[in-house]
Amino acid sequence: MARIVGPRKIHRYSEEFKATAVRLSLIPGVQVQDVAEALVIHPYMLSRWRKEYREGFIAHDGESELDSGMISDLKRLRELEREHARLKVEHDLLKKAIRFCSEQKSKSSPSSNRTGKTKVSQ
């Protein structure tokens, strides 16, 4: 495997951004993974920030009110992801049912005897 040559990009996030991300992840019903995905950061990084927040390394003071629109968007995202997963399962089940029914139909249709008469053995 070839190595990537060039400078590594290191993102620096402000304390305010980190604190807001942590507060969003602490909302009941919202998962760390959803917040990380919405903010385009790795879930591990957000988990590390949560630990630093608990230990006091990330400033708690100056906590601004979280945007209610952002909170509702995160909850709606989670709800839509659940609905999408459920619909994918239903779709797969329907595809399997259609395939099964069409196989049963082809097995039961007479292919060798087209006149509809049955052959009688003597």
C-alpha atoms as a PDB file:
ATOM      1  CA  MET A   1       0.000   0.000   0.000  1.00  0.00           C
ATOM      2  CA  ALA A   2       1.356   3.405  -0.948  1.00  0.00           C
ATOM      3  CA  ARG A   3       1.999   6.011   1.707  1.00  0.00           C
ATOM      4  CA  ILE A   4       0.479   9.417   1.348  1.00  0.00           C
ATOM      5  CA  VAL A   5       3.219  11.971   0.926  1.00  0.00           C
ATOM      6  CA  GLY A   6       2.658  15.489   2.139  1.00  0.00           C
ATOM      7  CA  PRO A   7       1.735  17.413   5.245  1.00  0.00           C
ATOM      8  CA  ARG A   8      -0.880  15.986   7.568  1.00  0.00           C
ATOM      9  CA  LYS A   9      -3.884  18.186   8.114  1.00  0.00           C
ATOM     10  CA  ILE A  10      -4.496  18.875  11.752  1.00  0.00           C
ATOM     11  CA  HIS A  11      -7.698  20.640  12.644  1.00  0.00           C
ATOM     12  CA  ARG A  12      -7.737  22.946  15.632  1.00  0.00           C
ATOM     13  CA  TYR A  13     -11.102  23.455  17.251  1.00  0.00           C
ATOM     14  CA  SER A  14     -11.978  26.333  19.545  1.00  0.00           C
ATOM     15  CA  GLU A  15     -12.945  25.739  23.160  1.00  0.00           C
ATOM     16  CA  GLU A  16     -16.408  27.091  22.384  1.00  0.00           C
ATOM     17  CA  PHE A  17     -16.868  24.586  19.550  1.00  0.00           C
ATOM     18  CA  LYS A  18     -15.744  21.720  21.777  1.00  0.00           C
ATOM     19  CA  ALA A  19     -18.023  22.804  24.636  1.00  0.00           C
ATOM     20  CA  THR A  20     -21.004  23.151  22.294  1.00  0.00           C
ATOM     21  CA  ALA A  21     -20.333  19.719  20.788  1.00  0.00           C
ATOM     22  CA  VAL A  22     -20.141  18.185  24.258  1.00  0.00           C
ATOM     23  CA  ARG A  23     -23.368  19.872  25.396  1.00  0.00           C
ATOM     24  CA  LEU A  24     -25.119  18.623  22.257  1.00  0.00           C
ATOM     25  CA  SER A  25     -23.950  15.084  22.969  1.00  0.00           C
ATOM     26  CA  LEU A  26     -25.274  15.309  26.533  1.00  0.00           C
ATOM     27  CA  ILE A  27     -28.861  15.925  25.394  1.00  0.00           C
ATOM     28  CA  PRO A  28     -31.092  12.977  26.372  1.00  0.00           C
ATOM     29  CA  GLY A  29     -31.957  10.834  23.366  1.00  0.00           C
ATOM     30  CA  VAL A  30     -29.052  12.093  21.244  1.00  0.00           C
ATOM     31  CA  GLN A  31     -26.128   9.774  20.599  1.00  0.00           C
ATOM     32  CA  VAL A  32     -22.463  10.731  20.421  1.00  0.00           C
ATOM     33  CA  GLN A  33     -22.203   9.204  16.961  1.00  0.00           C
ATOM     34  CA  ASP A  34     -25.046  11.382  15.637  1.00  0.00           C
ATOM     35  CA  VAL A  35     -23.502  14.582  16.990  1.00  0.00           C
ATOM     36  CA  ALA A  36     -20.076  13.643  15.626  1.00  0.00           C
ATOM     37  CA  GLU A  37     -21.536  12.884  12.209  1.00  0.00           C
ATOM     38  CA  ALA A  38     -23.457  16.165  12.158  1.00  0.00           C
ATOM     39  CA  LEU A  39     -20.314  18.121  13.092  1.00  0.00           C
ATOM     40  CA  VAL A  40     -18.085  16.096  10.731  1.00  0.00           C
ATOM     41  CA  ILE A  41     -15.725  14.910  13.466  1.00  0.00           C
ATOM     42  CA  HIS A  42     -14.727  11.445  14.605  1.00  0.00           C
ATOM     43  CA  PRO A  43     -16.875  10.000  17.436  1.00  0.00           C
ATOM     44  CA  TYR A  44     -13.703   9.147  19.361  1.00  0.00           C
ATOM     45  CA  MET A  45     -12.691  12.806  19.346  1.00  0.00           C
ATOM     46  CA  LEU A  46     -16.079  13.813  20.742  1.00  0.00           C
ATOM     47  CA  SER A  47     -15.813  11.137  23.432  1.00  0.00           C
ATOM     48  CA  ARG A  48     -12.387  12.488  24.361  1.00  0.00           C
ATOM     49  CA  TRP A  49     -13.802  16.010  24.553  1.00  0.00           C
ATOM     50  CA  ARG A  50     -16.593  14.749  26.817  1.00  0.00           C
ATOM     51  CA  LYS A  51     -13.981  13.301  29.169  1.00  0.00           C
ATOM     52  CA  GLU A  52     -12.005  16.562  29.132  1.00  0.00           C
ATOM     53  CA  TYR A  53     -15.238  18.461  29.785  1.00  0.00           C
ATOM     54  CA  ARG A  54     -15.986  16.296  32.840  1.00  0.00           C
ATOM     55  CA  GLU A  55     -12.427  16.747  34.119  1.00  0.00           C
ATOM     56  CA  GLY A  56     -12.593  20.522  33.618  1.00  0.00           C
ATOM     57  CA  PHE A  57     -10.040  20.835  30.804  1.00  0.00           C
ATOM     58  CA  ILE A  58     -12.687  22.315  28.525  1.00  0.00           C
ATOM     59  CA  ALA A  59     -14.146  25.521  29.958  1.00  0.00           C
ATOM     60  CA  HIS A  60     -17.652  25.299  31.419  1.00  0.00           C
ATOM     61  CA  ASP A  61     -18.107  29.033  31.888  1.00  0.00           C
ATOM     62  CA  GLY A  62     -19.742  31.181  29.273  1.00  0.00           C
ATOM     63  CA  GLU A  63     -22.091  28.370  28.371  1.00  0.00           C
ATOM     64  CA  SER A  64     -24.353  29.773  25.737  1.00  0.00           C
ATOM     65  CA  GLU A  65     -27.828  28.432  25.216  1.00  0.00           C
ATOM     66  CA  LEU A  66     -27.892  25.647  22.673  1.00  0.00           C
ATOM     67  CA  ASP A  67     -29.726  26.430  19.479  1.00  0.00           C
ATOM     68  CA  SER A  68     -33.111  24.720  19.724  1.00  0.00           C
ATOM     69  CA  GLY A  69     -33.094  24.235  15.962  1.00  0.00           C
ATOM     70  CA  MET A  70     -29.864  22.263  16.155  1.00  0.00           C
ATOM     71  CA  ILE A  71     -31.252  20.078  18.936  1.00  0.00           C
ATOM     72  CA  SER A  72     -34.436  19.352  17.002  1.00  0.00           C
ATOM     73  CA  ASP A  73     -32.387  18.660  13.849  1.00  0.00           C
ATOM     74  CA  LEU A  74     -30.276  16.079  15.679  1.00  0.00           C
ATOM     75  CA  LYS A  75     -33.352  14.368  17.090  1.00  0.00           C
ATOM     76  CA  ARG A  76     -35.011  14.402  13.677  1.00  0.00           C
ATOM     77  CA  LEU A  77     -31.850  12.968  12.097  1.00  0.00           C
ATOM     78  CA  ARG A  78     -31.874  10.079  14.551  1.00  0.00           C
ATOM     79  CA  GLU A  79     -35.574   9.462  13.917  1.00  0.00           C
ATOM     80  CA  LEU A  80     -35.067   9.478  10.146  1.00  0.00           C
ATOM     81  CA  GLU A  81     -32.127   7.082  10.408  1.00  0.00           C
ATOM     82  CA  ARG A  82     -34.259   4.640  12.406  1.00  0.00           C
ATOM     83  CA  GLU A  83     -37.091   4.934   9.882  1.00  0.00           C
ATOM     84  CA  HIS A  84     -34.661   4.423   6.990  1.00  0.00           C
ATOM     85  CA  ALA A  85     -33.235   1.280   8.584  1.00  0.00           C
ATOM     86  CA  ARG A  86     -36.744  -0.099   9.139  1.00  0.00           C
ATOM     87  CA  LEU A  87     -37.738   0.630   5.531  1.00  0.00           C
ATOM     88  CA  LYS A  88     -34.579  -1.072   4.233  1.00  0.00           C
ATOM     89  CA  VAL A  89     -35.466  -4.224   6.176  1.00  0.00           C
ATOM     90  CA  GLU A  90     -39.042  -4.137   4.875  1.00  0.00           C
ATOM     91  CA  HIS A  91     -37.797  -3.619   1.322  1.00  0.00           C
ATOM     92  CA  ASP A  92     -35.441  -6.591   1.573  1.00  0.00           C
ATOM     93  CA  LEU A  93     -38.237  -8.773   2.957  1.00  0.00           C
ATOM     94  CA  LEU A  94     -40.561  -7.768   0.120  1.00  0.00           C
ATOM     95  CA  LYS A  95     -37.887  -8.541  -2.477  1.00  0.00           C
ATOM     96  CA  LYS A  96     -37.399 -11.992  -0.942  1.00  0.00           C
ATOM     97  CA  ALA A  97     -41.157 -12.614  -0.864  1.00  0.00           C
ATOM     98  CA  ILE A  98     -41.538 -11.631  -4.531  1.00  0.00           C
ATOM     99  CA  ARG A  99     -38.633 -13.888  -5.506  1.00  0.00           C
ATOM    100  CA  PHE A 100     -40.104 -16.778  -3.495  1.00  0.00           C
ATOM    101  CA  CYS A 101     -43.582 -16.354  -5.016  1.00  0.00           C
ATOM    102  CA  SER A 102     -42.227 -16.156  -8.561  1.00  0.00           C
ATOM    103  CA  GLU A 103     -40.169 -19.325  -8.002  1.00  0.00           C
ATOM    104  CA  GLN A 104     -43.230 -21.135  -6.654  1.00  0.00           C
ATOM    105  CA  LYS A 105     -45.302 -19.967  -9.622  1.00  0.00           C
ATOM    106  CA  SER A 106     -42.708 -21.211 -12.126  1.00  0.00           C
ATOM    107  CA  LYS A 107     -42.497 -24.599 -10.384  1.00  0.00           C
ATOM    108  CA  SER A 108     -46.273 -25.104 -10.389  1.00  0.00           C
ATOM    109  CA  SER A 109     -46.893 -24.093 -14.027  1.00  0.00           C
ATOM    110  CA  PRO A 110     -46.910 -27.014 -16.478  1.00  0.00           C
ATOM    111  CA  SER A 111     -44.023 -26.493 -18.867  1.00  0.00           C
ATOM    112  CA  SER A 112     -43.826 -29.858 -20.639  1.00  0.00           C
ATOM    113  CA  ASN A 113     -47.529 -30.413 -21.280  1.00  0.00           C
ATOM    114  CA  ARG A 114     -48.983 -27.397 -23.086  1.00  0.00           C
ATOM    115  CA  THR A 115     -52.353 -28.911 -24.072  1.00  0.00           C
ATOM    116  CA  GLY A 116     -53.468 -29.224 -20.484  1.00  0.00           C
ATOM    117  CA  LYS A 117     -54.072 -32.964 -20.843  1.00  0.00           C
ATOM    118  CA  THR A 118     -52.285 -35.348 -18.545  1.00  0.00           C
ATOM    119  CA  LYS A 119     -50.459 -38.334 -19.923  1.00  0.00           C
ATOM    120  CA  VAL A 120     -51.798 -41.667 -18.810  1.00  0.00           C
ATOM    121  CA  SER A 121     -49.390 -44.557 -18.358  1.00  0.00           C
ATOM    122  CA  GLN A 122     -50.376 -47.860 -19.826  1.00  0.00           C
END
